[in-house]
């Protein structure tokens, strides 16, 4: 008997409840907050860093401003970590 994809999706959603009790979804939410924000930060740093290196190649005096933009892109991961800490802090 073949297992339907919808059954697997329901199992994946309900598995944290069985494994961790009521806190399972909080753990998943914290993991998603860190994981997705880190992925987005990596993409942002890659794009901004490439543009910054091109800018520094043309005008070296703009290197300070370019580093500020790279730092802003890295801040996305820090915000995701803060959200995860707040989520985990609510678990009793």
Foldseek 3Di string as FASTA:
>chain_A
DDDDPVVVVVCVVCVLCVVPNPCRVLVVLLVCLLVVLVVQLVVQLVVLVVVLVVVCVVPVVCNVVSVVSNVVSNVSNVVSNVVSVVSVVPDD
